[in-house]
PDB file of N, CA and C in Angstrom:
ATOM      1  N   MET A   1     -33.668  18.773  53.437  1.00  0.00           N
ATOM      2  CA  MET A   1     -33.544  18.555  52.013  1.00  0.00           C
ATOM      3  C   MET A   1     -34.562  17.508  51.537  1.00  0.00           C
ATOM      4  N   HIS A   2     -34.753  16.445  52.323  1.00  0.00           N
ATOM      5  CA  HIS A   2     -35.657  15.387  51.885  1.00  0.00           C
ATOM      6  C   HIS A   2     -37.111  15.852  51.787  1.00  0.00           C
ATOM      7  N   ASN A   3     -37.441  16.996  52.401  1.00  0.00           N
ATOM      8  CA  ASN A   3     -38.780  17.558  52.267  1.00  0.00           C
ATOM      9  C   ASN A   3     -38.958  18.314  50.951  1.00  0.00           C
ATOM     10  N   LEU A   4     -37.871  18.640  50.292  1.00  0.00           N
ATOM     11  CA  LEU A   4     -37.918  19.401  49.047  1.00  0.00           C
ATOM     12  C   LEU A   4     -37.758  18.533  47.808  1.00  0.00           C
ATOM     13  N   ILE A   5     -36.908  17.517  47.903  1.00  0.00           N
ATOM     14  CA  ILE A   5     -36.648  16.658  46.746  1.00  0.00           C
ATOM     15  C   ILE A   5     -36.772  15.193  47.150  1.00  0.00           C
ATOM     16  N   ARG A   6     -37.074  14.372  46.182  1.00  0.00           N
ATOM     17  CA  ARG A   6     -37.324  12.950  46.426  1.00  0.00           C
ATOM     18  C   ARG A   6     -36.056  12.150  46.674  1.00  0.00           C
ATOM     19  N   GLY A   7     -34.981  12.505  45.971  1.00  0.00           N
ATOM     20  CA  GLY A   7     -33.739  11.764  46.115  1.00  0.00           C
ATOM     21  C   GLY A   7     -32.594  12.471  45.408  1.00  0.00           C
ATOM     22  N   VAL A   8     -31.385  11.955  45.648  1.00  0.00           N
ATOM     23  CA  VAL A   8     -30.177  12.553  45.080  1.00  0.00           C
ATOM     24  C   VAL A   8     -29.292  11.429  44.543  1.00  0.00           C
ATOM     25  N   TRP A   9     -28.755  11.650  43.353  1.00  0.00           N
ATOM     26  CA  TRP A   9     -27.813  10.706  42.742  1.00  0.00           C
ATOM     27  C   TRP A   9     -26.488  11.431  42.599  1.00  0.00           C
ATOM     28  N   ILE A  10     -25.470  10.949  43.301  1.00  0.00           N
ATOM     29  CA  ILE A  10     -24.137  11.559  43.266  1.00  0.00           C
ATOM     30  C   ILE A  10     -23.219  10.584  42.541  1.00  0.00           C
ATOM     31  N   TYR A  11     -22.553  11.067  41.503  1.00  0.00           N
ATOM     32  CA  TYR A  11     -21.722  10.212  40.655  1.00  0.00           C
ATOM     33  C   TYR A  11     -20.269  10.663  40.699  1.00  0.00           C
ATOM     34  N   GLY A  12     -19.393   9.685  40.647  1.00  0.00           N
ATOM     35  CA  GLY A  12     -17.969   9.964  40.510  1.00  0.00           C
ATOM     36  C   GLY A  12     -17.286   8.809  39.803  1.00  0.00           C
ATOM     37  N   GLY A  13     -16.396   9.143  38.891  1.00  0.00           N
ATOM     38  CA  GLY A  13     -15.571   8.129  38.257  1.00  0.00           C
ATOM     39  C   GLY A  13     -14.314   7.933  39.095  1.00  0.00           C
ATOM     40  N   GLU A  14     -13.946   6.705  39.351  1.00  0.00           N
ATOM     41  CA  GLU A  14     -12.806   6.447  40.233  1.00  0.00           C
ATOM     42  C   GLU A  14     -11.466   6.880  39.640  1.00  0.00           C
ATOM     43  N   ASP A  15     -11.451   7.290  38.372  1.00  0.00           N
ATOM     44  CA  ASP A  15     -10.224   7.804  37.766  1.00  0.00           C
ATOM     45  C   ASP A  15     -10.141   9.333  37.840  1.00  0.00           C
ATOM     46  N   GLU A  16     -11.100   9.945  38.528  1.00  0.00           N
ATOM     47  CA  GLU A  16     -11.105  11.402  38.665  1.00  0.00           C
ATOM     48  C   GLU A  16     -10.074  11.869  39.673  1.00  0.00           C
ATOM     49  N   LEU A  17      -9.568  13.047  39.457  1.00  0.00           N
ATOM     50  CA  LEU A  17      -8.615  13.646  40.374  1.00  0.00           C
ATOM     51  C   LEU A  17      -9.250  13.908  41.746  1.00  0.00           C
ATOM     52  N   PHE A  18     -10.522  14.295  41.762  1.00  0.00           N
ATOM     53  CA  PHE A  18     -11.193  14.668  43.001  1.00  0.00           C
ATOM     54  C   PHE A  18     -12.088  13.564  43.568  1.00  0.00           C
ATOM     55  N   ILE A  19     -11.808  12.316  43.251  1.00  0.00           N
ATOM     56  CA  ILE A  19     -12.676  11.229  43.684  1.00  0.00           C
ATOM     57  C   ILE A  19     -12.782  11.152  45.207  1.00  0.00           C
ATOM     58  N   ASP A  20     -11.694  11.420  45.923  1.00  0.00           N
ATOM     59  CA  ASP A  20     -11.757  11.375  47.385  1.00  0.00           C
ATOM     60  C   ASP A  20     -12.717  12.438  47.915  1.00  0.00           C
ATOM     61  N   SER A  21     -12.714  13.611  47.314  1.00  0.00           N
ATOM     62  CA  SER A  21     -13.625  14.679  47.734  1.00  0.00           C
ATOM     63  C   SER A  21     -15.071  14.349  47.377  1.00  0.00           C
ATOM     64  N   ILE A  22     -15.277  13.744  46.224  1.00  0.00           N
ATOM     65  CA  ILE A  22     -16.624  13.353  45.813  1.00  0.00           C
ATOM     66  C   ILE A  22     -17.169  12.304  46.777  1.00  0.00           C
ATOM     67  N   ARG A  23     -16.342  11.330  47.113  1.00  0.00           N
ATOM     68  CA  ARG A  23     -16.735  10.289  48.065  1.00  0.00           C
ATOM     69  C   ARG A  23     -17.075  10.905  49.427  1.00  0.00           C
ATOM     70  N   ALA A  24     -16.216  11.783  49.920  1.00  0.00           N
ATOM     71  CA  ALA A  24     -16.443  12.415  51.225  1.00  0.00           C
ATOM     72  C   ALA A  24     -17.722  13.256  51.204  1.00  0.00           C
ATOM     73  N   PHE A  25     -17.937  14.017  50.121  1.00  0.00           N
ATOM     74  CA  PHE A  25     -19.156  14.814  50.008  1.00  0.00           C
ATOM     75  C   PHE A  25     -20.387  13.911  50.026  1.00  0.00           C
ATOM     76  N   GLY A  26     -20.354  12.851  49.221  1.00  0.00           N
ATOM     77  CA  GLY A  26     -21.495  11.939  49.152  1.00  0.00           C
ATOM     78  C   GLY A  26     -21.830  11.317  50.501  1.00  0.00           C
ATOM     79  N   GLU A  27     -20.811  10.886  51.208  1.00  0.00           N
ATOM     80  CA  GLU A  27     -21.036  10.275  52.518  1.00  0.00           C
ATOM     81  C   GLU A  27     -21.567  11.296  53.521  1.00  0.00           C
ATOM     82  N   LYS A  28     -21.007  12.492  53.504  1.00  0.00           N
ATOM     83  CA  LYS A  28     -21.459  13.547  54.422  1.00  0.00           C
ATOM     84  C   LYS A  28     -22.890  13.981  54.080  1.00  0.00           C
ATOM     85  N   PHE A  29     -23.181  14.112  52.804  1.00  0.00           N
ATOM     86  CA  PHE A  29     -24.531  14.479  52.385  1.00  0.00           C
ATOM     87  C   PHE A  29     -25.531  13.421  52.844  1.00  0.00           C
ATOM     88  N   ARG A  30     -25.196  12.148  52.622  1.00  0.00           N
ATOM     89  CA  ARG A  30     -26.075  11.054  53.035  1.00  0.00           C
ATOM     90  C   ARG A  30     -26.294  11.071  54.545  1.00  0.00           C
ATOM     91  N   ASP A  31     -25.227  11.294  55.310  1.00  0.00           N
ATOM     92  CA  ASP A  31     -25.355  11.361  56.771  1.00  0.00           C
ATOM     93  C   ASP A  31     -26.284  12.500  57.192  1.00  0.00           C
ATOM     94  N   GLY A  32     -26.136  13.663  56.557  1.00  0.00           N
ATOM     95  CA  GLY A  32     -26.992  14.801  56.876  1.00  0.00           C
ATOM     96  C   GLY A  32     -28.434  14.552  56.479  1.00  0.00           C
ATOM     97  N   TRP A  33     -28.626  13.931  55.335  1.00  0.00           N
ATOM     98  CA  TRP A  33     -29.964  13.574  54.845  1.00  0.00           C
ATOM     99  C   TRP A  33     -30.651  12.673  55.868  1.00  0.00           C
ATOM    100  N   LYS A  34     -29.928  11.647  56.306  1.00  0.00           N
ATOM    101  CA  LYS A  34     -30.477  10.691  57.277  1.00  0.00           C
ATOM    102  C   LYS A  34     -30.730  11.376  58.627  1.00  0.00           C
ATOM    103  N   ALA A  35     -29.798  12.193  59.087  1.00  0.00           N
ATOM    104  CA  ALA A  35     -29.951  12.891  60.366  1.00  0.00           C
ATOM    105  C   ALA A  35     -31.147  13.839  60.344  1.00  0.00           C
ATOM    106  N   GLY A  36     -31.473  14.361  59.164  1.00  0.00           N
ATOM    107  CA  GLY A  36     -32.608  15.263  59.022  1.00  0.00           C
ATOM    108  C   GLY A  36     -33.934  14.547  58.878  1.00  0.00           C
ATOM    109  N   GLY A  37     -33.907  13.218  58.879  1.00  0.00           N
ATOM    110  CA  GLY A  37     -35.148  12.452  58.801  1.00  0.00           C
ATOM    111  C   GLY A  37     -35.418  11.795  57.462  1.00  0.00           C
ATOM    112  N   GLY A  38     -34.500  11.942  56.519  1.00  0.00           N
ATOM    113  CA  GLY A  38     -34.684  11.329  55.205  1.00  0.00           C
ATOM    114  C   GLY A  38     -34.253   9.867  55.201  1.00  0.00           C
ATOM    115  N   GLN A  39     -34.785   9.122  54.253  1.00  0.00           N
ATOM    116  CA  GLN A  39     -34.418   7.714  54.105  1.00  0.00           C
ATOM    117  C   GLN A  39     -33.046   7.617  53.442  1.00  0.00           C
ATOM    118  N   GLU A  40     -32.151   6.883  54.077  1.00  0.00           N
ATOM    119  CA  GLU A  40     -30.771   6.779  53.605  1.00  0.00           C
ATOM    120  C   GLU A  40     -30.677   6.275  52.170  1.00  0.00           C
ATOM    121  N   GLU A  41     -31.539   5.345  51.789  1.00  0.00           N
ATOM    122  CA  GLU A  41     -31.463   4.760  50.448  1.00  0.00           C
ATOM    123  C   GLU A  41     -31.881   5.728  49.343  1.00  0.00           C
ATOM    124  N   LYS A  42     -32.398   6.879  49.703  1.00  0.00           N
ATOM    125  CA  LYS A  42     -32.780   7.889  48.705  1.00  0.00           C
ATOM    126  C   LYS A  42     -31.584   8.714  48.223  1.00  0.00           C
ATOM    127  N   VAL A  43     -30.438   8.536  48.866  1.00  0.00           N
ATOM    128  CA  VAL A  43     -29.203   9.189  48.419  1.00  0.00           C
ATOM    129  C   VAL A  43     -28.300   8.103  47.849  1.00  0.00           C
ATOM    130  N   VAL A  44     -28.086   8.149  46.548  1.00  0.00           N
ATOM    131  CA  VAL A  44     -27.271   7.144  45.870  1.00  0.00           C
ATOM    132  C   VAL A  44     -25.910   7.757  45.552  1.00  0.00           C
ATOM    133  N   LEU A  45     -24.869   7.134  46.048  1.00  0.00           N
ATOM    134  CA  LEU A  45     -23.495   7.524  45.742  1.00  0.00           C
ATOM    135  C   LEU A  45     -22.925   6.453  44.835  1.00  0.00           C
ATOM    136  N   LYS A  46     -22.794   6.767  43.547  1.00  0.00           N
ATOM    137  CA  LYS A  46     -22.336   5.799  42.548  1.00  0.00           C
ATOM    138  C   LYS A  46     -20.924   6.160  42.124  1.00  0.00           C
ATOM    139  N   LEU A  47     -19.958   5.324  42.477  1.00  0.00           N
ATOM    140  CA  LEU A  47     -18.564   5.499  42.088  1.00  0.00           C
ATOM    141  C   LEU A  47     -18.195   4.363  41.140  1.00  0.00           C
ATOM    142  N   VAL A  48     -17.749   4.707  39.946  1.00  0.00           N
ATOM    143  CA  VAL A  48     -17.539   3.709  38.896  1.00  0.00           C
ATOM    144  C   VAL A  48     -16.068   3.611  38.525  1.00  0.00           C
ATOM    145  N   LYS A  49     -15.566   2.393  38.489  1.00  0.00           N
ATOM    146  CA  LYS A  49     -14.175   2.145  38.099  1.00  0.00           C
ATOM    147  C   LYS A  49     -13.978   2.458  36.623  1.00  0.00           C
ATOM    148  N   ASN A  50     -12.757   2.794  36.275  1.00  0.00           N
ATOM    149  CA  ASN A  50     -12.368   3.058  34.879  1.00  0.00           C
ATOM    150  C   ASN A  50     -13.264   4.104  34.226  1.00  0.00           C
ATOM    151  N   ASN A  51     -13.572   5.160  34.973  1.00  0.00           N
ATOM    152  CA  ASN A  51     -14.442   6.192  34.449  1.00  0.00           C
ATOM    153  C   ASN A  51     -14.021   7.545  35.002  1.00  0.00           C
ATOM    154  N   ALA A  52     -14.517   8.593  34.382  1.00  0.00           N
ATOM    155  CA  ALA A  52     -14.226   9.953  34.836  1.00  0.00           C
ATOM    156  C   ALA A  52     -15.534  10.717  34.957  1.00  0.00           C
ATOM    157  N   HIS A  53     -15.440  11.990  35.290  1.00  0.00           N
ATOM    158  CA  HIS A  53     -16.618  12.796  35.588  1.00  0.00           C
ATOM    159  C   HIS A  53     -17.603  12.889  34.429  1.00  0.00           C
ATOM    160  N   VAL A  54     -17.110  12.910  33.223  1.00  0.00           N
ATOM    161  CA  VAL A  54     -17.988  13.046  32.062  1.00  0.00           C
ATOM    162  C   VAL A  54     -18.553  11.703  31.609  1.00  0.00           C
ATOM    163  N   GLY A  55     -18.318  10.661  32.372  1.00  0.00           N
ATOM    164  CA  GLY A  55     -18.764   9.322  32.004  1.00  0.00           C
ATOM    165  C   GLY A  55     -20.217   9.219  31.591  1.00  0.00           C
ATOM    166  N   PRO A  56     -21.164   9.705  32.399  1.00  0.00           N
ATOM    167  CA  PRO A  56     -22.576   9.579  32.016  1.00  0.00           C
ATOM    168  C   PRO A  56     -22.911  10.283  30.705  1.00  0.00           C
ATOM    169  N   VAL A  57     -22.334  11.443  30.471  1.00  0.00           N
ATOM    170  CA  VAL A  57     -22.604  12.181  29.233  1.00  0.00           C
ATOM    171  C   VAL A  57     -21.944  11.472  28.045  1.00  0.00           C
ATOM    172  N   ALA A  58     -20.698  11.067  28.213  1.00  0.00           N
ATOM    173  CA  ALA A  58     -19.995  10.368  27.136  1.00  0.00           C
ATOM    174  C   ALA A  58     -20.689   9.058  26.796  1.00  0.00           C
ATOM    175  N   ASP A  59     -21.151   8.343  27.800  1.00  0.00           N
ATOM    176  CA  ASP A  59     -21.872   7.089  27.551  1.00  0.00           C
ATOM    177  C   ASP A  59     -23.099   7.330  26.688  1.00  0.00           C
ATOM    178  N   PHE A  60     -23.850   8.345  27.048  1.00  0.00           N
ATOM    179  CA  PHE A  60     -25.085   8.642  26.336  1.00  0.00           C
ATOM    180  C   PHE A  60     -24.819   9.052  24.895  1.00  0.00           C
ATOM    181  N   MET A  61     -23.744   9.801  24.684  1.00  0.00           N
ATOM    182  CA  MET A  61     -23.474  10.349  23.359  1.00  0.00           C
ATOM    183  C   MET A  61     -22.719   9.407  22.421  1.00  0.00           C
ATOM    184  N   THR A  62     -21.938   8.468  22.973  1.00  0.00           N
ATOM    185  CA  THR A  62     -21.041   7.716  22.097  1.00  0.00           C
ATOM    186  C   THR A  62     -21.227   6.200  22.094  1.00  0.00           C
ATOM    187  N   LEU A  63     -21.756   5.632  23.129  1.00  0.00           N
ATOM    188  CA  LEU A  63     -21.820   4.181  23.202  1.00  0.00           C
ATOM    189  C   LEU A  63     -23.161   3.641  22.726  1.00  0.00           C
ATOM    190  N   ARG A  64     -23.098   2.574  21.995  1.00  0.00           N
ATOM    191  CA  ARG A  64     -24.332   1.921  21.565  1.00  0.00           C
ATOM    192  C   ARG A  64     -24.856   0.998  22.655  1.00  0.00           C
ATOM    193  N   GLU A  65     -23.951   0.343  23.357  1.00  0.00           N
ATOM    194  CA  GLU A  65     -24.343  -0.504  24.486  1.00  0.00           C
ATOM    195  C   GLU A  65     -24.380   0.335  25.742  1.00  0.00           C
ATOM    196  N   LYS A  66     -25.356   0.063  26.589  1.00  0.00           N
ATOM    197  CA  LYS A  66     -25.460   0.816  27.835  1.00  0.00           C
ATOM    198  C   LYS A  66     -24.375   0.367  28.806  1.00  0.00           C
ATOM    199  N   SER A  67     -23.690   1.330  29.380  1.00  0.00           N
ATOM    200  CA  SER A  67     -22.650   1.048  30.363  1.00  0.00           C
ATOM    201  C   SER A  67     -23.275   0.886  31.749  1.00  0.00           C
ATOM    202  N   GLU A  68     -22.473   0.438  32.688  1.00  0.00           N
ATOM    203  CA  GLU A  68     -22.908   0.320  34.082  1.00  0.00           C
ATOM    204  C   GLU A  68     -23.418   1.661  34.604  1.00  0.00           C
ATOM    205  N   THR A  69     -22.713   2.719  34.252  1.00  0.00           N
ATOM    206  CA  THR A  69     -23.091   4.059  34.693  1.00  0.00           C
ATOM    207  C   THR A  69     -24.447   4.460  34.134  1.00  0.00           C
ATOM    208  N   ARG A  70     -24.628   4.272  32.856  1.00  0.00           N
ATOM    209  CA  ARG A  70     -25.894   4.668  32.223  1.00  0.00           C
ATOM    210  C   ARG A  70     -27.061   3.853  32.769  1.00  0.00           C
ATOM    211  N   ILE A  71     -26.877   2.576  32.982  1.00  0.00           N
ATOM    212  CA  ILE A  71     -27.937   1.728  33.541  1.00  0.00           C
ATOM    213  C   ILE A  71     -28.305   2.214  34.938  1.00  0.00           C
ATOM    214  N   ALA A  72     -27.308   2.498  35.767  1.00  0.00           N
ATOM    215  CA  ALA A  72     -27.566   2.978  37.127  1.00  0.00           C
ATOM    216  C   ALA A  72     -28.289   4.320  37.107  1.00  0.00           C
ATOM    217  N   GLN A  73     -27.871   5.205  36.218  1.00  0.00           N
ATOM    218  CA  GLN A  73     -28.493   6.521  36.123  1.00  0.00           C
ATOM    219  C   GLN A  73     -29.943   6.399  35.661  1.00  0.00           C
ATOM    220  N   GLU A  74     -30.214   5.570  34.676  1.00  0.00           N
ATOM    221  CA  GLU A  74     -31.583   5.381  34.190  1.00  0.00           C
ATOM    222  C   GLU A  74     -32.474   4.779  35.267  1.00  0.00           C
ATOM    223  N   GLU A  75     -31.966   3.813  36.011  1.00  0.00           N
ATOM    224  CA  GLU A  75     -32.742   3.203  37.094  1.00  0.00           C
ATOM    225  C   GLU A  75     -33.094   4.234  38.161  1.00  0.00           C
ATOM    226  N   TRP A  76     -32.122   5.068  38.506  1.00  0.00           N
ATOM    227  CA  TRP A  76     -32.372   6.098  39.508  1.00  0.00           C
ATOM    228  C   TRP A  76     -33.443   7.074  39.004  1.00  0.00           C
ATOM    229  N   LEU A  77     -33.325   7.490  37.747  1.00  0.00           N
ATOM    230  CA  LEU A  77     -34.311   8.418  37.184  1.00  0.00           C
ATOM    231  C   LEU A  77     -35.710   7.815  37.166  1.00  0.00           C
ATOM    232  N   LYS A  78     -35.814   6.547  36.815  1.00  0.00           N
ATOM    233  CA  LYS A  78     -37.126   5.880  36.816  1.00  0.00           C
ATOM    234  C   LYS A  78     -37.740   5.875  38.209  1.00  0.00           C
ATOM    235  N   GLN A  79     -36.928   5.622  39.216  1.00  0.00           N
ATOM    236  CA  GLN A  79     -37.428   5.610  40.598  1.00  0.00           C
ATOM    237  C   GLN A  79     -37.939   6.980  41.009  1.00  0.00           C
ATOM    238  N   GLN A  80     -37.344   8.042  40.478  1.00  0.00           N
ATOM    239  CA  GLN A  80     -37.783   9.395  40.836  1.00  0.00           C
ATOM    240  C   GLN A  80     -39.126   9.741  40.211  1.00  0.00           C
ATOM    241  N   LEU A  81     -39.461   9.078  39.122  1.00  0.00           N
ATOM    242  CA  LEU A  81     -40.700   9.375  38.412  1.00  0.00           C
ATOM    243  C   LEU A  81     -41.898   8.595  38.945  1.00  0.00           C
ATOM    244  N   VAL A  82     -41.655   7.603  39.754  1.00  0.00           N
ATOM    245  CA  VAL A  82     -42.755   6.773  40.283  1.00  0.00           C
ATOM    246  C   VAL A  82     -43.491   7.508  41.379  1.00  0.00           C
TER     247      VAL A  82
END
């Protein structure tokens, strides 16, 4: 996978019903990425308290101040463009 894409950002809100599955997927994906020769830090697993799956979209559409989620997402996107 690391030969095809530069990095992966996996997001989950800790108030989601499937947060345990999201966490397990993220950890397993990161392990596979690393085992395949990719740099571990290129897979970001961001789990945010007091948030749900639509957090990044809702933040962008409704909040005037940038949330922790939006800041993390923007930073990750900037790193992908460098």
